[in-house]
Protein backbone atom coordinates (compact mmCIF):
# COMPACT_ATOMS: atom_id res chain seq x y z
CA UNK A 1 -4.35 4.17 -8.24
CA UNK A 2 -3.86 7.23 -6.08
CA UNK A 3 -5.16 7.59 -2.56
CA UNK A 4 -5.57 11.02 -0.92
CA UNK A 5 -2.85 11.56 1.67
CA UNK A 6 -5.43 12.75 4.19
CA UNK A 7 -7.09 9.32 4.13
CA UNK A 8 -3.92 7.29 4.54
CA UNK A 9 -1.83 7.10 7.69
CA UNK A 10 1.30 5.59 6.17
CA UNK A 11 4.76 6.96 5.59
CA UNK A 12 6.04 7.31 2.03
CA UNK A 13 8.46 4.43 2.55
CA UNK A 14 5.67 2.20 3.84
CA UNK A 15 3.61 2.96 0.71
CA UNK A 16 6.52 2.22 -1.59
CA UNK A 17 7.25 -1.02 0.26
CA UNK A 18 3.63 -2.16 0.02
CA UNK A 19 3.57 -1.42 -3.72
CA UNK A 20 6.89 -3.22 -4.19
CA UNK A 21 5.61 -6.31 -2.40
CA UNK A 22 2.40 -6.19 -4.41
CA UNK A 23 4.37 -6.07 -7.68
CA UNK A 24 6.21 -9.19 -6.56
CA UNK A 25 2.87 -11.00 -6.54
CA UNK A 26 2.68 -11.42 -2.79
CA UNK A 27 -0.47 -10.92 -0.77
CA UNK A 28 -0.37 -8.17 1.84
CA UNK A 29 -2.58 -9.22 4.73
CA UNK A 30 -2.36 -5.93 6.60
CA UNK A 31 -5.71 -4.08 6.10
CA UNK A 32 -3.82 -0.79 6.06
CA UNK A 33 -2.34 -1.76 2.69
CA UNK A 34 -5.58 -2.96 1.09
CA UNK A 35 -5.97 0.07 -1.21
CA UNK A 36 -2.60 -0.68 -2.80
CA UNK A 37 -3.65 -4.19 -3.78
CA UNK A 38 -6.34 -3.11 -6.25
């Protein structure tokens, strides 16, 4: 799922990290990462 850059205030590394954690099956509690947990 792609999210428009203009609607996300995260650095590229933060996005990659959130996706990596999500792939490991862990829950990301930070609301800023919610769109990457879909």
